[in-house]
Amino acid sequence: MKATLLLLFFLMIATLSYPRMRQQYYWGIKGGVALPSNIGRNSDNPGFADVAAAGINGALKAGWFYNQRLSLSVEGSYIYFPNKSSFWDVGTRGNIEANYQVSGILISGCYYMSDEDWRPYAGMNFGINYIRNMVSFKSRYVGTDNDASVKYLYSDWRPGFGAAVGTSVKITSKTEFCIEASGTIIPFLKEKTVPIKEDGVIVDYVTENPHGNQNHFLITIGINFML
């Protein structure tokens, strides 16, 4: 940890002492694939990658370059994960549909390792995420006295943080193409116990978010437009 902080300190000093160009502002769009992760999984419970399948993501962002090596940006993002059908298979009892949605506002800082048209970079981000997870069970006995169909909805605001690596390629004097891989940690989702009732009597309980964390990876491509 001390070595990491020392490295970041020297990078900051080197960057701030780098000759500054005129501050340049930009905005951009990006999108790609979202991959659920079991990082941080409690061994007694399923991980996020056990209950969710690969999804999609998209984001709008705006930022500025302090100099040719350092940028700061803010972005609004949306991620959608469908359920993993093998985990939620209940056979002939009915059908389960689930999805996991994350809407976030993130602040990112990136350090660029080159001044050329092709510029690899690494960065870190943190922000706030609105989690909206839905699980819906449709019983095979819909419309009868034995209908046990039920829908669970979990929503909460949770902090998150992560890291990214990527590269930008200059297309014109005002546009650049970016490809990026990032990982995000959204830990400590609150457990919510939901009662299951039959004829108005509680017969069991279901615990939502047994995976505990909603960590994931993103692989994105995008375009930045200089102002």
C-alpha atoms as a PDB file:
ATOM      1  CA  MET A   1       0.000   0.000   0.000  1.00  0.00           C
ATOM      2  CA  LYS A   2       2.808   2.425   0.927  1.00  0.00           C
ATOM      3  CA  ALA A   3       4.608   1.593  -2.320  1.00  0.00           C
ATOM      4  CA  THR A   4       1.435   2.300  -4.328  1.00  0.00           C
ATOM      5  CA  LEU A   5       0.892   5.666  -2.617  1.00  0.00           C
ATOM      6  CA  LEU A   6       4.545   6.592  -3.186  1.00  0.00           C
ATOM      7  CA  LEU A   7       4.259   5.700  -6.874  1.00  0.00           C
ATOM      8  CA  LEU A   8       1.101   7.803  -7.220  1.00  0.00           C
ATOM      9  CA  PHE A   9       2.855  10.714  -5.484  1.00  0.00           C
ATOM     10  CA  PHE A  10       5.799  10.660  -7.908  1.00  0.00           C
ATOM     11  CA  LEU A  11       3.434  10.342 -10.900  1.00  0.00           C
ATOM     12  CA  MET A  12       1.499  13.374  -9.667  1.00  0.00           C
ATOM     13  CA  ILE A  13       4.693  15.448  -9.235  1.00  0.00           C
ATOM     14  CA  ALA A  14       5.956  14.402 -12.665  1.00  0.00           C
ATOM     15  CA  THR A  15       2.617  15.227 -14.250  1.00  0.00           C
ATOM     16  CA  LEU A  16       2.166  18.614 -12.602  1.00  0.00           C
ATOM     17  CA  SER A  17       5.698  19.618 -13.630  1.00  0.00           C
ATOM     18  CA  TYR A  18       5.023  18.597 -17.249  1.00  0.00           C
ATOM     19  CA  PRO A  19       4.739  21.607 -19.621  1.00  0.00           C
ATOM     20  CA  ARG A  20       1.078  22.534 -19.858  1.00  0.00           C
ATOM     21  CA  MET A  21      -0.792  22.959 -23.100  1.00  0.00           C
ATOM     22  CA  ARG A  22      -3.906  25.096 -23.223  1.00  0.00           C
ATOM     23  CA  GLN A  23      -6.617  23.390 -21.203  1.00  0.00           C
ATOM     24  CA  GLN A  24      -8.836  21.380 -23.517  1.00  0.00           C
ATOM     25  CA  TYR A  25     -12.386  20.299 -22.812  1.00  0.00           C
ATOM     26  CA  TYR A  26     -14.184  17.391 -24.426  1.00  0.00           C
ATOM     27  CA  TRP A  27     -17.298  15.239 -24.355  1.00  0.00           C
ATOM     28  CA  GLY A  28     -17.746  11.643 -25.421  1.00  0.00           C
ATOM     29  CA  ILE A  29     -19.906   8.574 -25.719  1.00  0.00           C
ATOM     30  CA  LYS A  30     -19.015   4.940 -25.129  1.00  0.00           C
ATOM     31  CA  GLY A  31     -20.624   1.524 -24.856  1.00  0.00           C
ATOM     32  CA  GLY A  32     -19.865  -2.158 -24.806  1.00  0.00           C
ATOM     33  CA  VAL A  33     -20.086  -5.403 -22.884  1.00  0.00           C
ATOM     34  CA  ALA A  34     -20.670  -5.756 -19.122  1.00  0.00           C
ATOM     35  CA  LEU A  35     -19.378  -8.887 -17.374  1.00  0.00           C
ATOM     36  CA  PRO A  36     -20.513  -9.842 -13.836  1.00  0.00           C
ATOM     37  CA  SER A  37     -17.728 -10.876 -11.466  1.00  0.00           C
ATOM     38  CA  ASN A  38     -17.389 -13.142  -8.417  1.00  0.00           C
ATOM     39  CA  ILE A  39     -14.588 -11.005  -6.963  1.00  0.00           C
ATOM     40  CA  GLY A  40     -15.352 -10.438  -3.286  1.00  0.00           C
ATOM     41  CA  ARG A  41     -17.668 -13.423  -3.150  1.00  0.00           C
ATOM     42  CA  ASN A  42     -18.554 -14.930   0.210  1.00  0.00           C
ATOM     43  CA  SER A  43     -17.757 -18.644  -0.076  1.00  0.00           C
ATOM     44  CA  ASP A  44     -21.044 -19.494   1.650  1.00  0.00           C
ATOM     45  CA  ASN A  45     -23.141 -17.681  -0.962  1.00  0.00           C
ATOM     46  CA  PRO A  46     -23.323 -17.468  -4.767  1.00  0.00           C
ATOM     47  CA  GLY A  47     -21.364 -14.700  -6.472  1.00  0.00           C
ATOM     48  CA  PHE A  48     -22.753 -12.074  -8.819  1.00  0.00           C
ATOM     49  CA  ALA A  49     -21.454 -14.000 -11.841  1.00  0.00           C
ATOM     50  CA  ASP A  50     -23.438 -17.036 -10.622  1.00  0.00           C
ATOM     51  CA  VAL A  51     -26.787 -15.236 -10.780  1.00  0.00           C
ATOM     52  CA  ALA A  52     -26.274 -12.777 -13.676  1.00  0.00           C
ATOM     53  CA  ALA A  53     -25.175 -13.160 -17.296  1.00  0.00           C
ATOM     54  CA  ALA A  54     -23.158 -10.828 -19.543  1.00  0.00           C
ATOM     55  CA  GLY A  55     -24.982  -7.609 -20.325  1.00  0.00           C
ATOM     56  CA  ILE A  56     -24.564  -4.233 -22.004  1.00  0.00           C
ATOM     57  CA  ASN A  57     -23.476  -0.762 -20.908  1.00  0.00           C
ATOM     58  CA  GLY A  58     -23.438   2.782 -22.204  1.00  0.00           C
ATOM     59  CA  ALA A  59     -22.233   6.160 -20.949  1.00  0.00           C
ATOM     60  CA  LEU A  60     -22.024   9.874 -21.720  1.00  0.00           C
ATOM     61  CA  LYS A  61     -19.061  11.783 -20.347  1.00  0.00           C
ATOM     62  CA  ALA A  62     -17.488  15.229 -20.224  1.00  0.00           C
ATOM     63  CA  GLY A  63     -13.985  16.152 -19.171  1.00  0.00           C
ATOM     64  CA  TRP A  64     -10.896  18.262 -19.541  1.00  0.00           C
ATOM     65  CA  PHE A  65      -7.150  17.800 -19.994  1.00  0.00           C
ATOM     66  CA  TYR A  66      -4.946  19.522 -17.429  1.00  0.00           C
ATOM     67  CA  ASN A  67      -2.069  18.793 -19.799  1.00  0.00           C
ATOM     68  CA  GLN A  68      -1.215  16.152 -22.375  1.00  0.00           C
ATOM     69  CA  ARG A  69      -0.723  13.510 -19.675  1.00  0.00           C
ATOM     70  CA  LEU A  70      -3.549  14.106 -17.202  1.00  0.00           C
ATOM     71  CA  SER A  71      -7.330  14.266 -17.617  1.00  0.00           C
ATOM     72  CA  LEU A  72     -10.343  14.454 -15.332  1.00  0.00           C
ATOM     73  CA  SER A  73     -13.888  13.508 -16.361  1.00  0.00           C
ATOM     74  CA  VAL A  74     -17.388  12.908 -15.067  1.00  0.00           C
ATOM     75  CA  GLU A  75     -19.771  10.437 -16.665  1.00  0.00           C
ATOM     76  CA  GLY A  76     -23.298   9.151 -16.392  1.00  0.00           C
ATOM     77  CA  SER A  77     -23.544   5.427 -17.082  1.00  0.00           C
ATOM     78  CA  TYR A  78     -26.131   2.661 -17.352  1.00  0.00           C
ATOM     79  CA  ILE A  79     -25.538  -1.101 -17.145  1.00  0.00           C
ATOM     80  CA  TYR A  80     -28.020  -3.927 -17.683  1.00  0.00           C
ATOM     81  CA  PHE A  81     -27.397  -7.561 -16.694  1.00  0.00           C
ATOM     82  CA  PRO A  82     -29.932 -10.297 -17.554  1.00  0.00           C
ATOM     83  CA  ASN A  83     -30.305 -13.334 -15.310  1.00  0.00           C
ATOM     84  CA  LYS A  84     -28.270 -16.492 -15.730  1.00  0.00           C
ATOM     85  CA  SER A  85     -30.937 -18.994 -16.798  1.00  0.00           C
ATOM     86  CA  SER A  86     -29.132 -22.050 -15.376  1.00  0.00           C
ATOM     87  CA  PHE A  87     -29.128 -20.567 -11.848  1.00  0.00           C
ATOM     88  CA  TRP A  88     -32.778 -19.494 -11.930  1.00  0.00           C
ATOM     89  CA  ASP A  89     -34.177 -22.696 -13.489  1.00  0.00           C
ATOM     90  CA  VAL A  90     -37.066 -23.966 -11.323  1.00  0.00           C
ATOM     91  CA  GLY A  91     -38.164 -26.735 -13.668  1.00  0.00           C
ATOM     92  CA  THR A  92     -41.874 -27.371 -14.021  1.00  0.00           C
ATOM     93  CA  ARG A  93     -42.860 -25.135 -11.091  1.00  0.00           C
ATOM     94  CA  GLY A  94     -42.870 -22.045 -13.300  1.00  0.00           C
ATOM     95  CA  ASN A  95     -40.524 -19.460 -14.754  1.00  0.00           C
ATOM     96  CA  ILE A  96     -38.194 -16.927 -13.140  1.00  0.00           C
ATOM     97  CA  GLU A  97     -37.120 -13.707 -14.818  1.00  0.00           C
ATOM     98  CA  ALA A  98     -34.479 -11.499 -13.240  1.00  0.00           C
ATOM     99  CA  ASN A  99     -32.373  -8.511 -14.197  1.00  0.00           C
ATOM    100  CA  TYR A 100     -29.810  -6.290 -12.511  1.00  0.00           C
ATOM    101  CA  GLN A 101     -29.502  -2.616 -13.419  1.00  0.00           C
ATOM    102  CA  VAL A 102     -26.885  -0.070 -12.358  1.00  0.00           C
ATOM    103  CA  SER A 103     -27.108   3.664 -13.074  1.00  0.00           C
ATOM    104  CA  GLY A 104     -24.070   5.623 -11.939  1.00  0.00           C
ATOM    105  CA  ILE A 105     -22.411   9.019 -11.745  1.00  0.00           C
ATOM    106  CA  LEU A 106     -18.641   8.534 -11.775  1.00  0.00           C
ATOM    107  CA  ILE A 107     -15.599  10.797 -11.531  1.00  0.00           C
ATOM    108  CA  SER A 108     -12.497   9.479 -13.303  1.00  0.00           C
ATOM    109  CA  GLY A 109      -8.867  10.546 -13.451  1.00  0.00           C
ATOM    110  CA  CYS A 110      -6.518   9.206 -16.132  1.00  0.00           C
ATOM    111  CA  TYR A 111      -2.777   9.334 -16.691  1.00  0.00           C
ATOM    112  CA  TYR A 112      -1.615   9.103 -20.337  1.00  0.00           C
ATOM    113  CA  MET A 113       1.710   7.430 -21.060  1.00  0.00           C
ATOM    114  CA  SER A 114       2.441   9.098 -24.399  1.00  0.00           C
ATOM    115  CA  ASP A 115       2.117  12.444 -26.202  1.00  0.00           C
ATOM    116  CA  GLU A 116       1.671  10.812 -29.601  1.00  0.00           C
ATOM    117  CA  ASP A 117      -1.502  10.147 -31.594  1.00  0.00           C
ATOM    118  CA  TRP A 118      -1.675   6.670 -29.978  1.00  0.00           C
ATOM    119  CA  ARG A 119      -1.827   7.133 -26.200  1.00  0.00           C
ATOM    120  CA  PRO A 120      -2.170   4.259 -23.687  1.00  0.00           C
ATOM    121  CA  TYR A 121      -3.562   5.305 -20.314  1.00  0.00           C
ATOM    122  CA  ALA A 122      -4.510   4.071 -16.856  1.00  0.00           C
ATOM    123  CA  GLY A 123      -6.971   5.588 -14.441  1.00  0.00           C
ATOM    124  CA  MET A 124      -9.134   5.291 -11.356  1.00  0.00           C
ATOM    125  CA  ASN A 125     -12.761   6.188 -10.708  1.00  0.00           C
ATOM    126  CA  PHE A 126     -15.253   6.495  -7.889  1.00  0.00           C
ATOM    127  CA  GLY A 127     -18.884   7.508  -7.663  1.00  0.00           C
ATOM    128  CA  ILE A 128     -22.414   6.712  -6.598  1.00  0.00           C
ATOM    129  CA  ASN A 129     -24.579   3.983  -8.124  1.00  0.00           C
ATOM    130  CA  TYR A 130     -28.310   3.408  -8.114  1.00  0.00           C
ATOM    131  CA  ILE A 131     -28.928  -0.351  -7.930  1.00  0.00           C
ATOM    132  CA  ARG A 132     -32.236  -1.768  -9.187  1.00  0.00           C
ATOM    133  CA  ASN A 133     -32.515  -5.566  -9.055  1.00  0.00           C
ATOM    134  CA  MET A 134     -35.699  -7.393  -9.992  1.00  0.00           C
ATOM    135  CA  VAL A 135     -36.674 -11.058  -9.600  1.00  0.00           C
ATOM    136  CA  SER A 136     -40.087 -12.212 -10.812  1.00  0.00           C
ATOM    137  CA  PHE A 137     -41.507 -15.715 -10.391  1.00  0.00           C
ATOM    138  CA  LYS A 138     -44.438 -16.702 -12.586  1.00  0.00           C
ATOM    139  CA  SER A 139     -46.094 -19.852 -11.284  1.00  0.00           C
ATOM    140  CA  ARG A 140     -47.410 -22.566 -13.587  1.00  0.00           C
ATOM    141  CA  TYR A 141     -50.634 -22.257 -11.606  1.00  0.00           C
ATOM    142  CA  VAL A 142     -51.391 -18.651 -12.587  1.00  0.00           C
ATOM    143  CA  GLY A 143     -55.067 -17.868 -12.130  1.00  0.00           C
ATOM    144  CA  THR A 144     -55.722 -20.709  -9.683  1.00  0.00           C
ATOM    145  CA  ASP A 145     -55.810 -20.980  -5.901  1.00  0.00           C
ATOM    146  CA  ASN A 146     -52.306 -22.473  -6.034  1.00  0.00           C
ATOM    147  CA  ASP A 147     -50.818 -19.457  -7.820  1.00  0.00           C
ATOM    148  CA  ALA A 148     -47.600 -18.539  -5.963  1.00  0.00           C
ATOM    149  CA  SER A 149     -46.398 -15.900  -8.457  1.00  0.00           C
ATOM    150  CA  VAL A 150     -44.436 -13.111  -6.819  1.00  0.00           C
ATOM    151  CA  LYS A 151     -42.165 -10.206  -7.758  1.00  0.00           C
ATOM    152  CA  TYR A 152     -39.242  -8.876  -5.707  1.00  0.00           C
ATOM    153  CA  LEU A 153     -37.659  -5.479  -6.326  1.00  0.00           C
ATOM    154  CA  TYR A 154     -34.505  -4.237  -4.590  1.00  0.00           C
ATOM    155  CA  SER A 155     -33.294  -0.664  -5.057  1.00  0.00           C
ATOM    156  CA  ASP A 156     -30.627   1.303  -3.215  1.00  0.00           C
ATOM    157  CA  TRP A 157     -27.906   3.916  -3.643  1.00  0.00           C
ATOM    158  CA  ARG A 158     -24.429   2.426  -3.194  1.00  0.00           C
ATOM    159  CA  PRO A 159     -20.887   3.844  -3.537  1.00  0.00           C
ATOM    160  CA  GLY A 160     -18.466   2.235  -5.958  1.00  0.00           C
ATOM    161  CA  PHE A 161     -14.864   2.512  -7.096  1.00  0.00           C
ATOM    162  CA  GLY A 162     -12.639   0.950  -9.713  1.00  0.00           C
ATOM    163  CA  ALA A 163      -9.722   1.150 -12.136  1.00  0.00           C
ATOM    164  CA  ALA A 164      -9.324   1.213 -15.900  1.00  0.00           C
ATOM    165  CA  VAL A 165      -6.721   0.761 -18.621  1.00  0.00           C
ATOM    166  CA  GLY A 166      -7.123   1.681 -22.258  1.00  0.00           C
ATOM    167  CA  THR A 167      -5.787   3.559 -25.228  1.00  0.00           C
ATOM    168  CA  SER A 168      -6.917   6.520 -27.286  1.00  0.00           C
ATOM    169  CA  VAL A 169      -6.151   6.992 -30.981  1.00  0.00           C
ATOM    170  CA  LYS A 170      -6.336  10.388 -32.638  1.00  0.00           C
ATOM    171  CA  ILE A 171      -8.652  10.368 -35.660  1.00  0.00           C
ATOM    172  CA  THR A 172      -8.739  14.076 -36.473  1.00  0.00           C
ATOM    173  CA  SER A 173      -7.646  17.217 -34.633  1.00  0.00           C
ATOM    174  CA  LYS A 174     -11.036  17.226 -32.864  1.00  0.00           C
ATOM    175  CA  THR A 175     -11.867  13.537 -32.392  1.00  0.00           C
ATOM    176  CA  GLU A 176     -10.264  10.461 -30.870  1.00  0.00           C
ATOM    177  CA  PHE A 177     -11.230   6.790 -30.693  1.00  0.00           C
ATOM    178  CA  CYS A 178     -10.950   4.994 -27.335  1.00  0.00           C
ATOM    179  CA  ILE A 179     -11.004   1.376 -26.231  1.00  0.00           C
ATOM    180  CA  GLU A 180     -11.044   0.588 -22.515  1.00  0.00           C
ATOM    181  CA  ALA A 181     -11.260  -2.259 -20.006  1.00  0.00           C
ATOM    182  CA  SER A 182     -12.335  -1.438 -16.457  1.00  0.00           C
ATOM    183  CA  GLY A 183     -13.368  -3.095 -13.232  1.00  0.00           C
ATOM    184  CA  THR A 184     -15.826  -1.739 -10.660  1.00  0.00           C
ATOM    185  CA  ILE A 185     -16.411  -2.739  -7.042  1.00  0.00           C
ATOM    186  CA  ILE A 186     -19.893  -2.163  -5.566  1.00  0.00           C
ATOM    187  CA  PRO A 187     -19.659  -3.857  -2.167  1.00  0.00           C
ATOM    188  CA  PHE A 188     -21.901  -4.583   0.781  1.00  0.00           C
ATOM    189  CA  LEU A 189     -25.357  -4.679  -0.779  1.00  0.00           C
ATOM    190  CA  LYS A 190     -27.905  -4.704   2.008  1.00  0.00           C
ATOM    191  CA  GLU A 191     -29.751  -7.964   2.470  1.00  0.00           C
ATOM    192  CA  LYS A 192     -33.515  -7.710   2.363  1.00  0.00           C
ATOM    193  CA  THR A 193     -35.681 -10.529   3.705  1.00  0.00           C
ATOM    194  CA  VAL A 194     -39.010 -10.964   1.923  1.00  0.00           C
ATOM    195  CA  PRO A 195     -41.772 -13.182   3.359  1.00  0.00           C
ATOM    196  CA  ILE A 196     -43.517 -15.802   1.235  1.00  0.00           C
ATOM    197  CA  LYS A 197     -47.169 -16.141   2.078  1.00  0.00           C
ATOM    198  CA  GLU A 198     -49.751 -18.818   1.375  1.00  0.00           C
ATOM    199  CA  ASP A 199     -53.383 -18.034   2.187  1.00  0.00           C
ATOM    200  CA  GLY A 200     -52.156 -14.971   4.084  1.00  0.00           C
ATOM    201  CA  VAL A 201     -49.798 -16.993   6.292  1.00  0.00           C
ATOM    202  CA  ILE A 202     -45.986 -16.597   6.164  1.00  0.00           C
ATOM    203  CA  VAL A 203     -44.505 -19.990   5.245  1.00  0.00           C
ATOM    204  CA  ASP A 204     -40.937 -19.023   4.324  1.00  0.00           C
ATOM    205  CA  TYR A 205     -38.534 -16.146   3.696  1.00  0.00           C
ATOM    206  CA  VAL A 206     -36.412 -15.245   0.698  1.00  0.00           C
ATOM    207  CA  THR A 207     -33.193 -13.244   1.069  1.00  0.00           C
ATOM    208  CA  GLU A 208     -32.537 -10.881  -1.825  1.00  0.00           C
ATOM    209  CA  ASN A 209     -29.011 -10.121  -3.040  1.00  0.00           C
ATOM    210  CA  PRO A 210     -27.387 -13.258  -1.586  1.00  0.00           C
ATOM    211  CA  HIS A 211     -24.322 -12.419  -3.729  1.00  0.00           C
ATOM    212  CA  GLY A 212     -23.557  -9.455  -1.416  1.00  0.00           C
ATOM    213  CA  ASN A 213     -21.509  -7.529  -4.019  1.00  0.00           C
ATOM    214  CA  GLN A 214     -22.394  -6.330  -7.500  1.00  0.00           C
ATOM    215  CA  ASN A 215     -18.843  -6.208  -8.879  1.00  0.00           C
ATOM    216  CA  HIS A 216     -18.296  -6.265 -12.618  1.00  0.00           C
ATOM    217  CA  PHE A 217     -15.980  -5.623 -15.579  1.00  0.00           C
ATOM    218  CA  LEU A 218     -16.661  -3.427 -18.617  1.00  0.00           C
ATOM    219  CA  ILE A 219     -15.116  -3.588 -22.084  1.00  0.00           C
ATOM    220  CA  THR A 220     -16.030  -0.476 -24.046  1.00  0.00           C
ATOM    221  CA  ILE A 221     -15.304   1.475 -27.204  1.00  0.00           C
ATOM    222  CA  GLY A 222     -16.070   5.153 -27.615  1.00  0.00           C
ATOM    223  CA  ILE A 223     -15.391   8.479 -29.282  1.00  0.00           C
ATOM    224  CA  ASN A 224     -14.304  11.756 -27.677  1.00  0.00           C
ATOM    225  CA  PHE A 225     -15.014  15.122 -29.270  1.00  0.00           C
ATOM    226  CA  MET A 226     -12.725  18.045 -28.396  1.00  0.00           C
ATOM    227  CA  LEU A 227     -14.298  21.459 -27.815  1.00  0.00           C
END
